[in-house]
Each structure stands twice: as structure tokens, then as C-alpha cells.
Amino acid sequence: MDILLANAGTEGKASPIEAISVADFEQVLRTNVVGVWLAMKYCVEPMKRRGGGSMIAMASIAGVIGAPTLAPYIASKHAVNGLVKTAALELGAAGIRVNAIAPGPIDNRMIHSLEAQFSPEDTEAVRHDLTSKIALQRYGTNDEVARLALFLASDESSYCSGGVHMIDGGYTAA
């Protein structure tokens, strides 16, 4: 085991806090937090036997901000960042680097789902509003996120551990 990319995730349902069911909240946490923790848990021993490795968890800008109607997702991504920092401290002596990738709006299924949840009748208005908050004025691509993952998986990032690596076009710079 050389590399772990814990990339499973769900955005859940956009809803005000008081309208979120316990089942919906727990479903997001099970996928986004427990899934990442289990992947890490079962990769530790193989990586220790190998003499090190790179664990990468897919977080989100949601792990460093708040956002109305996305409480389960926001909470889950804050938790992923906490897991990454804790694992980096625990596993560093074993030569295991642990980092998070924190994408902003990426032009893929998840952002399209959120656009539709925020405004089913006018998803373009949501897209326009979001891109107006991004310094680069566009959504990112899956390929751009993949290139960051490749960097963190490679020996080129040999001194990177415990970091939350933003890939958000400047969304969180403000």
C-alpha cells in the first residue's frame, strides 16, 4: 500500500438545520467522515509495513467555511480536516504523510446537484452567483483536482503532511 485517496463523498440534501432529519444528517456523516476514517484505519498497517506512504482525503472548502442549508456537509468536511490533522500527527514518525484536498466549486455532478437544489428553476443564476465569488471567475475541473492529488501522492510533496490544500480558484481567499 503506497497511496490512499479517500474520495467517496456525498453532498446530501440542502435544507435548513431545523428541517434536516437525523437519518439524512447521519447518512452524510457515514459517507464523508466514517468512510474516510475507515479507509485510513485499514491502510495504516500496510503503509507501516512498507515504511511509509501518502494518505489523501478529499475534503472541501466546506471544511473551512460555513454555508446556509448545508449543515451536514459542512460538519462532515470540518471533521475530515480534523481527521487529517490528527492522522498526520499520529503517523508522521512512521513515514506516512496525510493531507486533505479542499476543492471549491468543481464542474461536475456534485456542484450541478447543489445548483439544482438551491434553485431548480434557474441553475444558471446559481452558477453565476458562485463564479462571481471565485477570484478566477470559473469553476475548476476534475483534472485540476487530479493533478493536485498526483502531487500529494508523489515524492515531490515529501515534506507536506497535515495540510488542507485548497483548490478553489481563490474562493476562500477573501
C-alpha atoms as a PDB file:
ATOM      1  CA  MET A   1       0.000   0.000   0.000  1.00  0.00           C
ATOM      2  CA  ASP A   2       1.666   3.197  -1.210  1.00  0.00           C
ATOM      3  CA  ILE A   3      -1.170   5.691  -1.600  1.00  0.00           C
ATOM      4  CA  LEU A   4      -4.672   6.153  -0.261  1.00  0.00           C
ATOM      5  CA  LEU A   5      -7.074   8.536  -1.951  1.00  0.00           C
ATOM      6  CA  ALA A   6     -10.221   8.596   0.177  1.00  0.00           C
ATOM      7  CA  ASN A   7     -12.509  10.169  -2.421  1.00  0.00           C
ATOM      8  CA  ALA A   8     -16.021   8.941  -1.635  1.00  0.00           C
ATOM      9  CA  GLY A   9     -18.407  11.697  -0.694  1.00  0.00           C
ATOM     10  CA  THR A  10     -21.943  12.984  -0.845  1.00  0.00           C
ATOM     11  CA  GLU A  11     -23.366  16.486  -0.645  1.00  0.00           C
ATOM     12  CA  GLY A  12     -26.634  15.395   0.953  1.00  0.00           C
ATOM     13  CA  LYS A  13     -29.810  17.448   0.820  1.00  0.00           C
ATOM     14  CA  ALA A  14     -29.697  21.226   1.063  1.00  0.00           C
ATOM     15  CA  SER A  15     -32.048  22.147   3.886  1.00  0.00           C
ATOM     16  CA  PRO A  16     -32.241  24.494   6.889  1.00  0.00           C
ATOM     17  CA  ILE A  17     -30.920  22.983  10.132  1.00  0.00           C
ATOM     18  CA  GLU A  18     -34.352  22.556  11.662  1.00  0.00           C
ATOM     19  CA  ALA A  19     -35.641  20.679   8.607  1.00  0.00           C
ATOM     20  CA  ILE A  20     -32.810  18.128   8.385  1.00  0.00           C
ATOM     21  CA  SER A  21     -33.749  14.639   9.517  1.00  0.00           C
ATOM     22  CA  VAL A  22     -31.427  12.692  11.769  1.00  0.00           C
ATOM     23  CA  ALA A  23     -31.245  10.000   9.079  1.00  0.00           C
ATOM     24  CA  ASP A  24     -30.156  12.495   6.402  1.00  0.00           C
ATOM     25  CA  PHE A  25     -27.544  14.064   8.708  1.00  0.00           C
ATOM     26  CA  GLU A  26     -26.145  10.671   9.698  1.00  0.00           C
ATOM     27  CA  GLN A  27     -26.044   9.451   6.086  1.00  0.00           C
ATOM     28  CA  VAL A  28     -23.742  12.331   5.090  1.00  0.00           C
ATOM     29  CA  LEU A  29     -21.516  11.744   8.135  1.00  0.00           C
ATOM     30  CA  ARG A  30     -21.333   7.988   7.468  1.00  0.00           C
ATOM     31  CA  THR A  31     -20.164   8.527   3.920  1.00  0.00           C
ATOM     32  CA  ASN A  32     -17.953  11.584   4.319  1.00  0.00           C
ATOM     33  CA  VAL A  33     -16.426  11.015   7.763  1.00  0.00           C
ATOM     34  CA  VAL A  34     -16.734   7.377   8.720  1.00  0.00           C
ATOM     35  CA  GLY A  35     -15.810   6.354   5.168  1.00  0.00           C
ATOM     36  CA  VAL A  36     -12.601   8.405   5.273  1.00  0.00           C
ATOM     37  CA  TRP A  37     -11.744   7.160   8.778  1.00  0.00           C
ATOM     38  CA  LEU A  38     -12.253   3.509   7.784  1.00  0.00           C
ATOM     39  CA  ALA A  39     -10.082   3.923   4.690  1.00  0.00           C
ATOM     40  CA  MET A  40      -7.324   5.438   6.824  1.00  0.00           C
ATOM     41  CA  LYS A  41      -7.717   2.855   9.576  1.00  0.00           C
ATOM     42  CA  TYR A  42      -7.213  -0.087   7.241  1.00  0.00           C
ATOM     43  CA  CYS A  43      -4.309   1.472   5.342  1.00  0.00           C
ATOM     44  CA  VAL A  44      -2.150   2.280   8.380  1.00  0.00           C
ATOM     45  CA  GLU A  45      -0.671  -1.180   8.939  1.00  0.00           C
ATOM     46  CA  PRO A  46       0.109  -1.900   5.259  1.00  0.00           C
ATOM     47  CA  MET A  47       1.764   1.515   4.944  1.00  0.00           C
ATOM     48  CA  LYS A  48       3.736   0.998   8.147  1.00  0.00           C
ATOM     49  CA  ARG A  49       4.975  -2.373   6.846  1.00  0.00           C
ATOM     50  CA  ARG A  50       6.032  -0.671   3.616  1.00  0.00           C
ATOM     51  CA  GLY A  51       7.890   2.048   5.533  1.00  0.00           C
ATOM     52  CA  GLY A  52       5.577   4.942   4.709  1.00  0.00           C
ATOM     53  CA  GLY A  53       3.105   6.259   2.228  1.00  0.00           C
ATOM     54  CA  SER A  54       0.721   9.053   1.379  1.00  0.00           C
ATOM     55  CA  MET A  55      -2.873   9.304   2.553  1.00  0.00           C
ATOM     56  CA  ILE A  56      -5.042  11.876   0.824  1.00  0.00           C
ATOM     57  CA  ALA A  57      -8.571  12.658   1.951  1.00  0.00           C
ATOM     58  CA  MET A  58     -10.997  14.549  -0.230  1.00  0.00           C
ATOM     59  CA  ALA A  59     -12.271  17.412   1.882  1.00  0.00           C
ATOM     60  CA  SER A  60     -13.801  20.616   0.514  1.00  0.00           C
ATOM     61  CA  ILE A  61     -13.793  24.340   1.039  1.00  0.00           C
ATOM     62  CA  ALA A  62     -16.835  23.388   3.146  1.00  0.00           C
ATOM     63  CA  GLY A  63     -14.301  22.228   5.747  1.00  0.00           C
ATOM     64  CA  VAL A  64     -13.088  25.791   6.338  1.00  0.00           C
ATOM     65  CA  ILE A  65     -16.274  27.847   5.888  1.00  0.00           C
ATOM     66  CA  GLY A  66     -19.937  27.747   6.814  1.00  0.00           C
ATOM     67  CA  ALA A  67     -22.820  27.792   4.344  1.00  0.00           C
ATOM     68  CA  PRO A  68     -26.562  28.065   4.867  1.00  0.00           C
ATOM     69  CA  THR A  69     -28.594  24.880   4.221  1.00  0.00           C
ATOM     70  CA  LEU A  70     -25.538  22.605   4.090  1.00  0.00           C
ATOM     71  CA  ALA A  71     -25.000  21.782   7.785  1.00  0.00           C
ATOM     72  CA  PRO A  72     -24.364  18.023   7.386  1.00  0.00           C
ATOM     73  CA  TYR A  73     -21.922  18.535   4.507  1.00  0.00           C
ATOM     74  CA  ILE A  74     -20.138  21.427   6.240  1.00  0.00           C
ATOM     75  CA  ALA A  75     -19.858  19.461   9.502  1.00  0.00           C
ATOM     76  CA  SER A  76     -18.574  16.389   7.685  1.00  0.00           C
ATOM     77  CA  LYS A  77     -15.832  18.246   5.842  1.00  0.00           C
ATOM     78  CA  HIS A  78     -14.688  20.043   9.007  1.00  0.00           C
ATOM     79  CA  ALA A  79     -14.436  16.566  10.554  1.00  0.00           C
ATOM     80  CA  VAL A  80     -12.377  15.272   7.604  1.00  0.00           C
ATOM     81  CA  ASN A  81      -9.892  18.097   8.121  1.00  0.00           C
ATOM     82  CA  GLY A  82      -9.650  17.181  11.805  1.00  0.00           C
ATOM     83  CA  LEU A  83      -9.049  13.522  10.953  1.00  0.00           C
ATOM     84  CA  VAL A  84      -6.290  14.519   8.530  1.00  0.00           C
ATOM     85  CA  LYS A  85      -4.511  16.693  11.069  1.00  0.00           C
ATOM     86  CA  THR A  86      -4.774  14.043  13.794  1.00  0.00           C
ATOM     87  CA  ALA A  87      -3.611  11.237  11.493  1.00  0.00           C
ATOM     88  CA  ALA A  88      -0.670  13.362  10.302  1.00  0.00           C
ATOM     89  CA  LEU A  89       0.484  13.788  13.893  1.00  0.00           C
ATOM     90  CA  GLU A  90      -0.003  10.115  14.754  1.00  0.00           C
ATOM     91  CA  LEU A  91       1.538   8.648  11.605  1.00  0.00           C
ATOM     92  CA  GLY A  92       4.371  11.017  10.724  1.00  0.00           C
ATOM     93  CA  ALA A  93       7.002   9.027  12.646  1.00  0.00           C
ATOM     94  CA  ALA A  94       6.071   6.000  10.518  1.00  0.00           C
ATOM     95  CA  GLY A  95       6.793   7.973   7.337  1.00  0.00           C
ATOM     96  CA  ILE A  96       3.118   8.291   6.443  1.00  0.00           C
ATOM     97  CA  ARG A  97       2.101  11.680   5.123  1.00  0.00           C
ATOM     98  CA  VAL A  98      -1.566  12.661   5.484  1.00  0.00           C
ATOM     99  CA  ASN A  99      -3.150  15.565   3.616  1.00  0.00           C
ATOM    100  CA  ALA A 100      -6.539  16.842   2.532  1.00  0.00           C
ATOM    101  CA  ILE A 101      -7.568  18.302  -0.785  1.00  0.00           C
ATOM    102  CA  ALA A 102     -10.192  21.025  -0.437  1.00  0.00           C
ATOM    103  CA  PRO A 103     -11.886  21.764  -3.743  1.00  0.00           C
ATOM    104  CA  GLY A 104     -14.153  24.718  -4.275  1.00  0.00           C
ATOM    105  CA  PRO A 105     -16.813  24.597  -6.976  1.00  0.00           C
ATOM    106  CA  ILE A 106     -15.730  21.966  -9.496  1.00  0.00           C
ATOM    107  CA  ASP A 107     -17.659  21.485 -12.740  1.00  0.00           C
ATOM    108  CA  ASN A 108     -19.027  18.028 -12.000  1.00  0.00           C
ATOM    109  CA  ARG A 109     -22.093  16.141 -10.780  1.00  0.00           C
ATOM    110  CA  MET A 110     -21.904  17.382  -7.194  1.00  0.00           C
ATOM    111  CA  ILE A 111     -21.982  21.111  -7.993  1.00  0.00           C
ATOM    112  CA  HIS A 112     -24.727  20.529 -10.559  1.00  0.00           C
ATOM    113  CA  SER A 113     -26.767  18.760  -7.853  1.00  0.00           C
ATOM    114  CA  LEU A 114     -26.270  21.689  -5.494  1.00  0.00           C
ATOM    115  CA  GLU A 115     -27.187  24.220  -8.200  1.00  0.00           C
ATOM    116  CA  ALA A 116     -30.435  22.325  -8.769  1.00  0.00           C
ATOM    117  CA  GLN A 117     -31.156  22.122  -5.035  1.00  0.00           C
ATOM    118  CA  PHE A 118     -30.512  25.835  -4.494  1.00  0.00           C
ATOM    119  CA  SER A 119     -32.631  26.977  -7.455  1.00  0.00           C
ATOM    120  CA  PRO A 120     -34.239  24.273  -9.612  1.00  0.00           C
ATOM    121  CA  GLU A 121     -35.812  26.894 -11.858  1.00  0.00           C
ATOM    122  CA  ASP A 122     -32.599  28.841 -12.522  1.00  0.00           C
ATOM    123  CA  THR A 123     -29.380  26.862 -12.069  1.00  0.00           C
ATOM    124  CA  GLU A 124     -27.524  29.352 -14.267  1.00  0.00           C
ATOM    125  CA  ALA A 125     -28.206  32.100 -11.726  1.00  0.00           C
ATOM    126  CA  VAL A 126     -26.653  29.919  -9.007  1.00  0.00           C
ATOM    127  CA  ARG A 127     -23.629  29.239 -11.211  1.00  0.00           C
ATOM    128  CA  HIS A 128     -23.270  32.961 -11.936  1.00  0.00           C
ATOM    129  CA  ASP A 129     -23.518  33.808  -8.226  1.00  0.00           C
ATOM    130  CA  LEU A 130     -20.902  31.199  -7.277  1.00  0.00           C
ATOM    131  CA  THR A 131     -18.442  32.140 -10.025  1.00  0.00           C
ATOM    132  CA  SER A 132     -18.732  35.807  -9.040  1.00  0.00           C
ATOM    133  CA  LYS A 133     -17.251  34.789  -5.643  1.00  0.00           C
ATOM    134  CA  ILE A 134     -14.283  32.954  -7.200  1.00  0.00           C
ATOM    135  CA  ALA A 135     -11.193  35.077  -7.913  1.00  0.00           C
ATOM    136  CA  LEU A 136     -10.564  33.161 -11.160  1.00  0.00           C
ATOM    137  CA  GLN A 137     -14.236  33.629 -12.147  1.00  0.00           C
ATOM    138  CA  ARG A 138     -14.830  29.992 -13.128  1.00  0.00           C
ATOM    139  CA  TYR A 139     -15.439  26.548 -11.751  1.00  0.00           C
ATOM    140  CA  GLY A 140     -12.469  24.209 -11.504  1.00  0.00           C
ATOM    141  CA  THR A 141     -12.187  20.890 -13.313  1.00  0.00           C
ATOM    142  CA  ASN A 142     -11.794  17.314 -12.165  1.00  0.00           C
ATOM    143  CA  ASP A 143      -8.441  17.243 -13.994  1.00  0.00           C
ATOM    144  CA  GLU A 144      -7.140  20.163 -11.925  1.00  0.00           C
ATOM    145  CA  VAL A 145      -8.092  18.351  -8.717  1.00  0.00           C
ATOM    146  CA  ALA A 146      -6.490  15.147 -10.016  1.00  0.00           C
ATOM    147  CA  ARG A 147      -3.203  16.977 -10.648  1.00  0.00           C
ATOM    148  CA  LEU A 148      -3.144  18.170  -7.036  1.00  0.00           C
ATOM    149  CA  ALA A 149      -3.815  14.593  -5.886  1.00  0.00           C
ATOM    150  CA  LEU A 150      -0.929  13.356  -8.043  1.00  0.00           C
ATOM    151  CA  PHE A 151       1.374  15.930  -6.467  1.00  0.00           C
ATOM    152  CA  LEU A 152       0.367  14.910  -2.935  1.00  0.00           C
ATOM    153  CA  ALA A 153       0.760  11.232  -3.794  1.00  0.00           C
ATOM    154  CA  SER A 154       4.231  11.765  -5.245  1.00  0.00           C
ATOM    155  CA  ASP A 155       7.627  12.190  -3.655  1.00  0.00           C
ATOM    156  CA  GLU A 156       7.506  15.811  -4.877  1.00  0.00           C
ATOM    157  CA  SER A 157       5.397  16.524  -1.764  1.00  0.00           C
ATOM    158  CA  SER A 158       7.740  14.728   0.637  1.00  0.00           C
ATOM    159  CA  TYR A 159       7.541  17.487   3.268  1.00  0.00           C
ATOM    160  CA  CYS A 160       3.774  18.015   3.066  1.00  0.00           C
ATOM    161  CA  SER A 161       1.737  16.495   5.867  1.00  0.00           C
ATOM    162  CA  GLY A 162      -1.252  17.659   7.896  1.00  0.00           C
ATOM    163  CA  GLY A 163      -2.207  20.211   5.289  1.00  0.00           C
ATOM    164  CA  VAL A 164      -5.548  21.194   3.859  1.00  0.00           C
ATOM    165  CA  HIS A 165      -4.654  22.058   0.279  1.00  0.00           C
ATOM    166  CA  MET A 166      -7.120  24.484  -1.232  1.00  0.00           C
ATOM    167  CA  ILE A 167      -8.016  24.188  -4.902  1.00  0.00           C
ATOM    168  CA  ASP A 168     -10.774  26.740  -5.148  1.00  0.00           C
ATOM    169  CA  GLY A 169      -9.731  29.398  -7.652  1.00  0.00           C
ATOM    170  CA  GLY A 170      -9.413  31.865  -4.790  1.00  0.00           C
ATOM    171  CA  TYR A 171     -12.926  31.371  -3.358  1.00  0.00           C
ATOM    172  CA  THR A 172     -11.682  31.266   0.244  1.00  0.00           C
ATOM    173  CA  ALA A 173      -9.053  33.995  -0.218  1.00  0.00           C
ATOM    174  CA  ALA A 174     -11.474  36.724   0.837  1.00  0.00           C
END
